[in-house]
Protein backbone atom coordinates (compact mmCIF):
# COMPACT_ATOMS: atom_id res chain seq x y z
CA MET A 1 0.00 0.00 0.00
CA ALA A 2 1.38 3.39 -0.97
CA THR A 3 1.67 5.92 1.79
CA THR A 4 2.82 9.48 2.27
CA PRO A 5 5.52 10.66 4.67
CA MET A 6 2.81 12.45 6.66
CA LEU A 7 0.76 9.24 6.99
CA GLN A 8 3.86 7.36 8.12
CA LEU A 9 4.56 10.01 10.76
CA LEU A 10 0.95 9.97 11.95
CA GLN A 11 0.96 6.16 12.08
CA GLY A 12 4.03 6.34 14.30
CA TYR A 13 2.34 8.99 16.45
CA LEU A 14 -0.65 6.71 17.01
CA LYS A 15 1.67 3.80 17.80
CA VAL A 16 3.58 5.80 20.43
CA THR A 17 0.33 7.10 21.92
CA ALA A 18 -1.18 3.59 22.10
CA ASP A 19 1.99 2.22 23.70
CA ARG A 20 1.92 4.97 26.31
CA GLN A 21 -1.76 4.27 26.97
CA GLN A 22 -0.93 0.59 27.59
CA THR A 23 1.84 1.60 29.99
CA VAL A 24 -0.52 3.85 31.96
CA ALA A 25 -3.16 1.11 32.02
CA ALA A 26 -0.56 -1.32 33.40
CA ASN A 27 0.22 1.18 36.17
CA VAL A 28 -3.46 1.42 37.08
CA ALA A 29 -3.79 -2.37 37.04
CA ASN A 30 -0.85 -2.62 39.47
CA VAL A 31 -2.03 0.07 41.90
CA ASP A 32 -2.27 -2.55 44.69
CA THR A 33 0.79 -4.63 43.75
CA PRO A 34 3.39 -4.38 46.53
CA GLY A 35 6.73 -3.08 45.29
CA TYR A 36 5.42 -2.05 41.86
CA HIS A 37 6.97 1.15 40.51
CA THR A 38 5.18 3.45 38.10
CA LYS A 39 6.44 3.27 34.52
CA ASP A 40 6.04 5.76 31.71
CA ILE A 41 7.15 6.33 28.13
CA ASN A 42 9.00 9.52 27.32
CA PHE A 43 6.68 10.63 24.54
CA GLN A 44 9.16 12.99 22.88
CA ALA A 45 12.00 10.46 22.91
CA ALA A 46 9.68 7.75 21.56
CA MET A 47 8.49 10.01 18.74
CA GLN A 48 12.07 10.93 17.88
CA ARG A 49 12.95 7.25 17.78
CA GLU A 50 9.88 6.54 15.63
CA MET A 51 10.84 9.27 13.17
CA ASN A 52 14.43 8.00 12.94
CA GLU A 53 13.74 4.26 12.81
CA GLY A 54 10.25 4.09 11.31
CA ASN A 55 8.31 0.82 11.45
CA ASP A 56 11.29 -1.12 12.80
CA VAL A 57 11.24 0.62 16.19
CA ARG A 58 10.32 -1.46 19.24
CA PHE A 59 9.22 0.21 22.46
CA ASP A 60 9.79 -2.77 24.74
CA ASN A 61 12.79 -1.10 26.35
CA ILE A 62 11.72 2.54 26.15
CA SER A 63 9.42 2.55 29.18
CA SER A 64 11.16 3.34 32.41
CA ASP A 65 10.42 3.81 36.07
CA VAL A 66 9.23 7.29 37.05
CA ASP A 67 11.52 8.84 39.63
CA GLY A 68 10.45 11.14 42.42
CA LEU A 69 7.03 9.66 43.21
CA PRO A 70 6.32 9.00 46.88
CA GLU A 71 6.15 5.34 47.85
CA ARG A 72 3.60 3.80 50.15
CA PRO A 73 4.81 1.53 52.95
CA ASP A 74 4.40 -1.50 50.65
CA GLY A 75 6.89 0.00 48.14
CA ASN A 76 4.26 0.81 45.50
CA ASN A 77 4.38 4.36 44.10
CA VAL A 78 1.40 4.38 41.71
CA ASN A 79 -0.66 7.54 42.13
CA ILE A 80 -4.13 6.90 40.70
CA ASP A 81 -4.79 10.63 40.22
CA ARG A 82 -1.60 11.02 38.15
CA GLU A 83 -2.43 7.95 36.09
CA SER A 84 -6.01 9.12 35.47
CA MET A 85 -4.71 12.46 34.21
CA LEU A 86 -2.19 10.72 31.93
CA MET A 87 -4.90 8.37 30.66
CA ALA A 88 -7.09 11.35 29.70
CA GLN A 89 -4.12 13.12 28.11
CA THR A 90 -3.14 10.14 25.97
CA GLN A 91 -6.75 9.60 24.91
CA LEU A 92 -6.88 13.19 23.68
CA GLN A 93 -3.54 12.77 21.90
CA TYR A 94 -4.80 9.63 20.18
CA GLN A 95 -8.04 11.34 19.12
CA MET A 96 -6.02 14.23 17.72
CA GLY A 97 -3.87 11.79 15.74
CA VAL A 98 -6.96 10.14 14.28
CA GLN A 99 -8.33 13.55 13.26
CA LEU A 100 -5.02 14.42 11.59
CA ILE A 101 -5.08 11.14 9.66
CA LYS A 102 -8.63 11.89 8.54
CA ALA A 103 -7.50 15.33 7.36
CA GLU A 104 -4.57 13.77 5.46
CA PHE A 105 -6.88 11.30 3.73
CA HIS A 106 -9.24 14.15 2.88
CA ARG A 107 -6.31 16.10 1.42
CA LEU A 108 -5.28 13.08 -0.67
CA LEU A 109 -8.84 12.52 -1.86
CA THR A 110 -9.10 16.16 -2.89
CA ALA A 111 -5.82 15.91 -4.78
CA ILE A 112 -7.03 12.78 -6.58
CA LYS A 113 -10.38 14.36 -7.51
CA ASP A 114 -8.75 17.58 -8.71
CA GLY A 115 -6.03 15.70 -10.57
CA ASN A 116 -3.21 17.44 -8.69
C-alpha cells in the first residue's frame, strides 16, 4: 500500500500514543501490587525514535520507572490521580492523531479528484 511521509509520521504517532496508553493502564492495574513502581514512556523520545527508525522501532525497552514519586509503605508508588490524568491526556492525543489522519486522507482525496 502506498503511503505518504505524513501518513507514516501519523501512524508512528498513534503507535507511540497507544503504547503509552498501555503503559498507563498497566500502572493502574498494578495500583495494589506491593513493590510495583510506576512506569512511563518519554513521549518525545519515543516520537524521535519513531521518526528515525520508522516501522522497525520497538518500544519494549523505552518505558522506564518514574523517579520522584512517593512510595507507600508496601513500596508501590502508583498515584491513581496522576495515572487518570495521563490516561485522559493520551486519549486526547490519540483522538487528535486520528483527526489528523482523517485530514490527510481528505487532502489526498481532494488531490485525486482535482487531478493534482
